[in-house]
Amino acid sequence: MNVLLKKVTSEKVSEVLALLTAANLPTNDIDEGVELFFLEANEQVIATAGLEIKDKFGLLRSVSVLQNQKGKGYGQLIAQELEAYAKTQHIKQLYLLTTSAKEFFEQKCNYEVVERMNVPLEIQHSQQFSSVCPASAVVMKKNI
């Protein structure tokens, strides 16, 4: 199966948002400050991820994989692709918040848990960090 990484366009936005909703991920704070990407196979969205750039830091968000495509490495692939893209944007550190995928990001993507107070203010002031994700969400970081 040929898998392509693409930036979300108006033709695919509803399909991407539907996948995020099915994964119980927030969509209400996705705006022009969030660059959304997806993996496509056979003209179907199979994985999503977003990048919110805050100065020299990035917030990796909206990582999801279509239920029947889980376990095939697509989550790891799209995370790696966004890390590579973030480097082209001169991002040095990526952060993320998760309530359910801590082990995945630790084991498959080499992120480490960090204390909220050690997160740069630029990331702390993002809508996702300050109000969308619950205080119980785990904060993770990766130097890229």
N, C-alpha and C. Protein backbone atom coordinates (compact mmCIF):
# COMPACT_ATOMS: atom_id res chain seq x y z
N MET A 1 0.84 -1.18 0.00
CA MET A 1 0.00 0.00 0.00
C MET A 1 0.89 1.24 0.00
N ASN A 2 0.63 2.16 -0.90
CA ASN A 2 1.37 3.41 -1.01
C ASN A 2 0.78 4.43 -0.04
N VAL A 3 1.61 4.92 0.89
CA VAL A 3 1.16 5.87 1.91
C VAL A 3 1.85 7.20 1.66
N LEU A 4 1.06 8.27 1.63
CA LEU A 4 1.59 9.61 1.37
C LEU A 4 1.27 10.54 2.52
N LEU A 5 2.23 11.41 2.87
CA LEU A 5 1.99 12.47 3.85
C LEU A 5 1.53 13.70 3.09
N LYS A 6 0.43 14.28 3.54
CA LYS A 6 -0.11 15.47 2.89
C LYS A 6 -0.53 16.49 3.93
N LYS A 7 -0.49 17.75 3.53
CA LYS A 7 -1.02 18.81 4.38
C LYS A 7 -2.53 18.88 4.15
N VAL A 8 -3.27 19.10 5.22
CA VAL A 8 -4.73 19.13 5.12
C VAL A 8 -5.17 20.31 4.26
N THR A 9 -6.05 20.01 3.32
CA THR A 9 -6.66 21.02 2.47
C THR A 9 -8.16 21.02 2.73
N SER A 10 -8.86 21.96 2.16
CA SER A 10 -10.30 22.07 2.40
C SER A 10 -11.05 20.81 1.99
N GLU A 11 -10.53 20.07 1.00
CA GLU A 11 -11.22 18.85 0.55
C GLU A 11 -11.15 17.74 1.59
N LYS A 12 -10.13 17.76 2.43
CA LYS A 12 -9.92 16.66 3.39
C LYS A 12 -10.20 17.06 4.84
N VAL A 13 -10.49 18.33 5.09
CA VAL A 13 -10.62 18.77 6.47
C VAL A 13 -11.73 18.04 7.22
N SER A 14 -12.86 17.79 6.60
CA SER A 14 -13.95 17.11 7.32
C SER A 14 -13.58 15.67 7.65
N GLU A 15 -12.87 14.99 6.76
CA GLU A 15 -12.44 13.61 7.01
C GLU A 15 -11.41 13.56 8.16
N VAL A 16 -10.51 14.54 8.18
CA VAL A 16 -9.51 14.62 9.24
C VAL A 16 -10.18 14.92 10.58
N LEU A 17 -11.09 15.89 10.60
CA LEU A 17 -11.78 16.22 11.84
C LEU A 17 -12.62 15.06 12.34
N ALA A 18 -13.21 14.29 11.44
CA ALA A 18 -13.99 13.11 11.84
C ALA A 18 -13.09 12.07 12.51
N LEU A 19 -11.89 11.88 11.98
CA LEU A 19 -10.96 10.93 12.60
C LEU A 19 -10.54 11.41 13.98
N LEU A 20 -10.28 12.70 14.12
CA LEU A 20 -9.91 13.25 15.43
C LEU A 20 -11.05 13.09 16.43
N THR A 21 -12.27 13.35 15.99
CA THR A 21 -13.44 13.20 16.85
C THR A 21 -13.61 11.75 17.27
N ALA A 22 -13.45 10.82 16.34
CA ALA A 22 -13.57 9.39 16.65
C ALA A 22 -12.51 8.95 17.66
N ALA A 23 -11.36 9.63 17.66
CA ALA A 23 -10.28 9.31 18.59
C ALA A 23 -10.41 10.08 19.90
N ASN A 24 -11.51 10.80 20.07
CA ASN A 24 -11.75 11.62 21.27
C ASN A 24 -10.67 12.68 21.48
N LEU A 25 -10.18 13.24 20.38
CA LEU A 25 -9.20 14.32 20.46
C LEU A 25 -9.91 15.65 20.20
N PRO A 26 -9.44 16.72 20.84
CA PRO A 26 -10.10 18.01 20.68
C PRO A 26 -9.92 18.59 19.28
N THR A 27 -10.97 19.22 18.80
CA THR A 27 -10.92 19.90 17.50
C THR A 27 -11.32 21.36 17.61
N ASN A 28 -11.90 21.74 18.74
CA ASN A 28 -12.44 23.10 18.88
C ASN A 28 -11.38 24.18 18.88
N ASP A 29 -10.13 23.83 19.13
CA ASP A 29 -9.07 24.85 19.15
C ASP A 29 -8.18 24.79 17.91
N ILE A 30 -8.57 24.00 16.93
CA ILE A 30 -7.79 23.94 15.69
C ILE A 30 -8.13 25.16 14.85
N ASP A 31 -7.12 25.97 14.60
CA ASP A 31 -7.31 27.18 13.80
C ASP A 31 -6.12 27.33 12.86
N GLU A 32 -5.96 28.52 12.31
CA GLU A 32 -4.88 28.73 11.34
C GLU A 32 -3.50 28.61 11.97
N GLY A 33 -3.40 28.62 13.30
CA GLY A 33 -2.11 28.45 13.97
C GLY A 33 -1.67 27.00 14.06
N VAL A 34 -2.54 26.08 13.68
CA VAL A 34 -2.22 24.65 13.73
C VAL A 34 -2.10 24.13 12.30
N GLU A 35 -0.94 23.60 11.99
CA GLU A 35 -0.74 22.98 10.68
C GLU A 35 -1.11 21.51 10.80
N LEU A 36 -2.13 21.09 10.09
CA LEU A 36 -2.58 19.70 10.14
C LEU A 36 -2.07 18.92 8.94
N PHE A 37 -1.67 17.69 9.21
CA PHE A 37 -1.18 16.79 8.17
C PHE A 37 -1.92 15.46 8.30
N PHE A 38 -1.87 14.67 7.24
CA PHE A 38 -2.47 13.34 7.30
C PHE A 38 -1.70 12.38 6.42
N LEU A 39 -1.81 11.11 6.77
CA LEU A 39 -1.32 10.05 5.91
C LEU A 39 -2.50 9.54 5.11
N GLU A 40 -2.28 9.35 3.82
CA GLU A 40 -3.35 8.89 2.94
C GLU A 40 -2.92 7.60 2.26
N ALA A 41 -3.83 6.65 2.22
CA ALA A 41 -3.63 5.40 1.49
C ALA A 41 -4.93 5.08 0.77
N ASN A 42 -4.85 4.79 -0.50
CA ASN A 42 -6.04 4.50 -1.31
C ASN A 42 -7.09 5.61 -1.17
N GLU A 43 -6.62 6.85 -1.20
CA GLU A 43 -7.47 8.05 -1.12
C GLU A 43 -8.25 8.15 0.19
N GLN A 44 -7.79 7.46 1.23
CA GLN A 44 -8.45 7.50 2.54
C GLN A 44 -7.47 8.04 3.58
N VAL A 45 -7.96 8.90 4.47
CA VAL A 45 -7.16 9.39 5.58
C VAL A 45 -6.99 8.24 6.58
N ILE A 46 -5.73 7.87 6.86
CA ILE A 46 -5.50 6.78 7.81
C ILE A 46 -4.81 7.23 9.09
N ALA A 47 -4.24 8.44 9.10
CA ALA A 47 -3.59 8.96 10.31
C ALA A 47 -3.53 10.48 10.20
N THR A 48 -3.50 11.13 11.36
CA THR A 48 -3.43 12.59 11.40
C THR A 48 -2.38 13.03 12.43
N ALA A 49 -1.91 14.24 12.26
CA ALA A 49 -1.05 14.88 13.26
C ALA A 49 -1.03 16.37 12.95
N GLY A 50 -0.82 17.15 14.00
CA GLY A 50 -0.77 18.59 13.83
C GLY A 50 0.46 19.16 14.51
N LEU A 51 0.87 20.33 14.04
CA LEU A 51 2.00 21.03 14.63
C LEU A 51 1.59 22.48 14.86
N GLU A 52 1.77 22.90 16.09
CA GLU A 52 1.53 24.29 16.47
C GLU A 52 2.89 24.88 16.82
N ILE A 53 3.33 25.88 16.08
CA ILE A 53 4.65 26.46 16.29
C ILE A 53 4.54 27.68 17.19
N LYS A 54 5.35 27.67 18.23
CA LYS A 54 5.41 28.77 19.19
C LYS A 54 6.87 29.16 19.35
N ASP A 55 7.28 30.19 18.60
CA ASP A 55 8.67 30.65 18.60
C ASP A 55 9.57 29.51 18.13
N LYS A 56 10.53 29.08 18.94
CA LYS A 56 11.42 27.99 18.52
C LYS A 56 10.98 26.64 19.08
N PHE A 57 9.77 26.59 19.60
CA PHE A 57 9.21 25.37 20.17
C PHE A 57 8.01 24.92 19.35
N GLY A 58 7.74 23.63 19.39
CA GLY A 58 6.58 23.10 18.68
C GLY A 58 5.72 22.27 19.61
N LEU A 59 4.42 22.28 19.34
CA LEU A 59 3.46 21.46 20.06
C LEU A 59 2.92 20.43 19.08
N LEU A 60 3.31 19.18 19.27
CA LEU A 60 2.80 18.08 18.45
C LEU A 60 1.43 17.72 19.00
N ARG A 61 0.45 17.65 18.14
CA ARG A 61 -0.91 17.41 18.62
C ARG A 61 -1.72 16.67 17.57
N SER A 62 -2.90 16.25 17.98
CA SER A 62 -3.87 15.65 17.06
C SER A 62 -3.32 14.42 16.35
N VAL A 63 -2.49 13.63 17.05
CA VAL A 63 -1.97 12.39 16.47
C VAL A 63 -3.03 11.31 16.65
N SER A 64 -3.51 10.79 15.54
CA SER A 64 -4.52 9.73 15.59
C SER A 64 -4.34 8.80 14.40
N VAL A 65 -4.81 7.58 14.58
CA VAL A 65 -4.74 6.57 13.52
C VAL A 65 -6.11 5.92 13.41
N LEU A 66 -6.55 5.73 12.19
CA LEU A 66 -7.82 5.06 11.93
C LEU A 66 -7.83 3.71 12.64
N GLN A 67 -8.93 3.40 13.30
CA GLN A 67 -9.00 2.20 14.14
C GLN A 67 -8.52 0.94 13.43
N ASN A 68 -8.95 0.72 12.20
CA ASN A 68 -8.57 -0.53 11.51
C ASN A 68 -7.15 -0.49 10.93
N GLN A 69 -6.43 0.61 11.17
CA GLN A 69 -5.04 0.73 10.70
C GLN A 69 -4.04 0.76 11.85
N LYS A 70 -4.53 0.66 13.09
CA LYS A 70 -3.64 0.69 14.25
C LYS A 70 -2.74 -0.54 14.26
N GLY A 71 -1.54 -0.36 14.82
CA GLY A 71 -0.59 -1.46 14.93
C GLY A 71 0.25 -1.68 13.68
N LYS A 72 0.13 -0.80 12.71
CA LYS A 72 0.88 -0.95 11.46
C LYS A 72 2.02 0.06 11.33
N GLY A 73 2.26 0.84 12.39
CA GLY A 73 3.36 1.79 12.38
C GLY A 73 3.01 3.17 11.86
N TYR A 74 1.74 3.43 11.57
CA TYR A 74 1.38 4.73 11.00
C TYR A 74 1.46 5.87 12.01
N GLY A 75 1.19 5.60 13.27
CA GLY A 75 1.33 6.64 14.29
C GLY A 75 2.78 7.08 14.42
N GLN A 76 3.66 6.12 14.46
CA GLN A 76 5.09 6.42 14.54
C GLN A 76 5.56 7.13 13.27
N LEU A 77 5.09 6.69 12.13
CA LEU A 77 5.48 7.30 10.86
C LEU A 77 5.06 8.76 10.79
N ILE A 78 3.82 9.06 11.13
CA ILE A 78 3.38 10.46 11.01
C ILE A 78 4.07 11.33 12.06
N ALA A 79 4.35 10.78 13.24
CA ALA A 79 5.09 11.55 14.25
C ALA A 79 6.50 11.87 13.73
N GLN A 80 7.16 10.89 13.13
CA GLN A 80 8.50 11.12 12.57
C GLN A 80 8.47 12.14 11.44
N GLU A 81 7.46 12.07 10.61
CA GLU A 81 7.35 13.02 9.50
C GLU A 81 7.15 14.45 10.02
N LEU A 82 6.35 14.60 11.07
CA LEU A 82 6.15 15.94 11.63
C LEU A 82 7.39 16.43 12.35
N GLU A 83 8.13 15.54 12.97
CA GLU A 83 9.41 15.93 13.57
C GLU A 83 10.36 16.45 12.50
N ALA A 84 10.43 15.76 11.38
CA ALA A 84 11.29 16.20 10.27
C ALA A 84 10.83 17.55 9.74
N TYR A 85 9.52 17.73 9.61
CA TYR A 85 8.99 19.02 9.15
C TYR A 85 9.32 20.11 10.16
N ALA A 86 9.17 19.81 11.46
CA ALA A 86 9.46 20.79 12.50
C ALA A 86 10.92 21.27 12.42
N LYS A 87 11.82 20.36 12.11
CA LYS A 87 13.23 20.74 11.96
C LYS A 87 13.39 21.76 10.84
N THR A 88 12.66 21.59 9.75
CA THR A 88 12.76 22.55 8.65
C THR A 88 12.23 23.92 9.05
N GLN A 89 11.43 23.96 10.11
CA GLN A 89 10.88 25.21 10.62
C GLN A 89 11.73 25.76 11.78
N HIS A 90 12.91 25.18 11.97
CA HIS A 90 13.88 25.60 12.98
C HIS A 90 13.40 25.36 14.41
N ILE A 91 12.56 24.35 14.59
CA ILE A 91 12.10 23.96 15.91
C ILE A 91 13.18 23.07 16.53
N LYS A 92 13.49 23.33 17.80
CA LYS A 92 14.52 22.55 18.50
C LYS A 92 13.91 21.54 19.48
N GLN A 93 12.72 21.87 20.00
CA GLN A 93 12.07 20.99 20.97
C GLN A 93 10.59 20.87 20.63
N LEU A 94 10.10 19.63 20.71
CA LEU A 94 8.68 19.38 20.53
C LEU A 94 8.08 18.95 21.86
N TYR A 95 6.88 19.43 22.11
CA TYR A 95 6.13 19.06 23.31
C TYR A 95 4.81 18.45 22.87
N LEU A 96 4.22 17.66 23.74
CA LEU A 96 2.88 17.13 23.49
C LEU A 96 2.20 16.88 24.82
N LEU A 97 0.89 16.80 24.77
CA LEU A 97 0.08 16.42 25.93
C LEU A 97 -0.71 15.18 25.55
N THR A 98 -0.79 14.23 26.47
CA THR A 98 -1.55 13.02 26.19
C THR A 98 -2.24 12.50 27.45
N THR A 99 -3.41 11.96 27.25
CA THR A 99 -4.11 11.29 28.35
C THR A 99 -4.10 9.78 28.16
N SER A 100 -3.69 9.31 26.99
CA SER A 100 -3.82 7.87 26.72
C SER A 100 -2.65 7.24 25.96
N ALA A 101 -1.68 8.02 25.53
CA ALA A 101 -0.64 7.45 24.66
C ALA A 101 0.78 7.65 25.18
N LYS A 102 0.92 7.78 26.49
CA LYS A 102 2.24 8.00 27.08
C LYS A 102 3.23 6.90 26.67
N GLU A 103 2.83 5.65 26.81
CA GLU A 103 3.73 4.54 26.48
C GLU A 103 4.11 4.54 25.01
N PHE A 104 3.15 4.83 24.15
CA PHE A 104 3.44 4.89 22.71
C PHE A 104 4.52 5.93 22.44
N PHE A 105 4.35 7.14 22.96
CA PHE A 105 5.31 8.21 22.67
C PHE A 105 6.67 7.95 23.33
N GLU A 106 6.69 7.30 24.49
CA GLU A 106 7.96 6.94 25.13
C GLU A 106 8.67 5.85 24.34
N GLN A 107 7.97 4.78 24.06
CA GLN A 107 8.59 3.58 23.50
C GLN A 107 8.83 3.67 21.99
N LYS A 108 7.91 4.24 21.26
CA LYS A 108 8.01 4.26 19.80
C LYS A 108 8.63 5.54 19.24
N CYS A 109 8.51 6.64 20.00
CA CYS A 109 8.92 7.93 19.45
C CYS A 109 9.98 8.65 20.28
N ASN A 110 10.40 8.04 21.40
CA ASN A 110 11.47 8.59 22.24
C ASN A 110 11.18 9.94 22.88
N TYR A 111 9.93 10.16 23.27
CA TYR A 111 9.59 11.35 24.06
C TYR A 111 9.79 11.01 25.53
N GLU A 112 10.02 12.05 26.34
CA GLU A 112 10.17 11.84 27.77
C GLU A 112 9.18 12.73 28.52
N VAL A 113 8.74 12.24 29.67
CA VAL A 113 7.80 12.99 30.49
C VAL A 113 8.54 14.15 31.14
N VAL A 114 7.89 15.32 31.15
CA VAL A 114 8.45 16.50 31.82
C VAL A 114 7.38 17.11 32.71
N GLU A 115 7.83 17.86 33.70
CA GLU A 115 6.91 18.57 34.59
C GLU A 115 6.35 19.79 33.85
N ARG A 116 5.09 20.08 34.10
CA ARG A 116 4.45 21.23 33.46
C ARG A 116 5.22 22.52 33.69
N MET A 117 5.75 22.68 34.89
CA MET A 117 6.44 23.93 35.22
C MET A 117 7.74 24.09 34.42
N ASN A 118 8.23 23.01 33.82
CA ASN A 118 9.46 23.08 33.02
C ASN A 118 9.21 23.28 31.53
N VAL A 119 7.97 23.49 31.17
CA VAL A 119 7.59 23.71 29.78
C VAL A 119 7.72 25.20 29.46
N PRO A 120 8.29 25.56 28.32
CA PRO A 120 8.43 26.97 27.96
C PRO A 120 7.08 27.70 27.99
N LEU A 121 7.12 28.96 28.39
CA LEU A 121 5.89 29.76 28.48
C LEU A 121 5.15 29.82 27.15
N GLU A 122 5.89 29.83 26.04
CA GLU A 122 5.24 29.89 24.73
C GLU A 122 4.28 28.71 24.55
N ILE A 123 4.68 27.54 25.01
CA ILE A 123 3.83 26.35 24.91
C ILE A 123 2.75 26.39 25.98
N GLN A 124 3.11 26.80 27.19
CA GLN A 124 2.13 26.89 28.28
C GLN A 124 0.97 27.81 27.92
N HIS A 125 1.23 28.83 27.13
CA HIS A 125 0.19 29.80 26.77
C HIS A 125 -0.67 29.34 25.60
N SER A 126 -0.35 28.20 25.01
CA SER A 126 -1.20 27.70 23.92
C SER A 126 -2.55 27.30 24.49
N GLN A 127 -3.56 27.38 23.66
CA GLN A 127 -4.90 27.03 24.09
C GLN A 127 -4.97 25.57 24.52
N GLN A 128 -4.31 24.70 23.78
CA GLN A 128 -4.35 23.28 24.12
C GLN A 128 -3.75 23.03 25.50
N PHE A 129 -2.64 23.67 25.80
CA PHE A 129 -1.97 23.46 27.08
C PHE A 129 -2.74 24.11 28.22
N SER A 130 -3.23 25.32 27.99
CA SER A 130 -3.83 26.08 29.09
C SER A 130 -5.29 25.76 29.37
N SER A 131 -6.04 25.28 28.37
CA SER A 131 -7.47 25.08 28.64
C SER A 131 -8.10 23.86 28.00
N VAL A 132 -7.58 23.38 26.89
CA VAL A 132 -8.25 22.29 26.17
C VAL A 132 -7.96 20.93 26.81
N CYS A 133 -6.69 20.63 27.05
CA CYS A 133 -6.33 19.34 27.65
C CYS A 133 -6.47 19.43 29.16
N PRO A 134 -6.91 18.36 29.80
CA PRO A 134 -7.08 18.39 31.26
C PRO A 134 -5.73 18.49 31.98
N ALA A 135 -5.78 18.98 33.20
CA ALA A 135 -4.56 19.10 34.01
C ALA A 135 -3.93 17.74 34.26
N SER A 136 -4.71 16.68 34.13
CA SER A 136 -4.19 15.32 34.34
C SER A 136 -3.41 14.80 33.13
N ALA A 137 -3.44 15.51 32.02
CA ALA A 137 -2.71 15.07 30.83
C ALA A 137 -1.21 15.07 31.11
N VAL A 138 -0.53 14.06 30.60
CA VAL A 138 0.92 13.94 30.73
C VAL A 138 1.57 14.85 29.70
N VAL A 139 2.60 15.59 30.13
CA VAL A 139 3.34 16.46 29.23
C VAL A 139 4.64 15.74 28.87
N MET A 140 4.94 15.73 27.57
CA MET A 140 6.14 15.05 27.09
C MET A 140 6.94 15.97 26.18
N LYS A 141 8.24 15.67 26.07
CA LYS A 141 9.14 16.53 25.30
C LYS A 141 10.13 15.66 24.52
N LYS A 142 10.55 16.21 23.39
CA LYS A 142 11.62 15.57 22.62
C LYS A 142 12.49 16.66 22.00
N ASN A 143 13.79 16.53 22.17
CA ASN A 143 14.72 17.41 21.46
C ASN A 143 14.91 16.84 20.07
N ILE A 144 14.80 17.71 19.07
CA ILE A 144 14.93 17.22 17.69
C ILE A 144 16.07 17.92 16.98
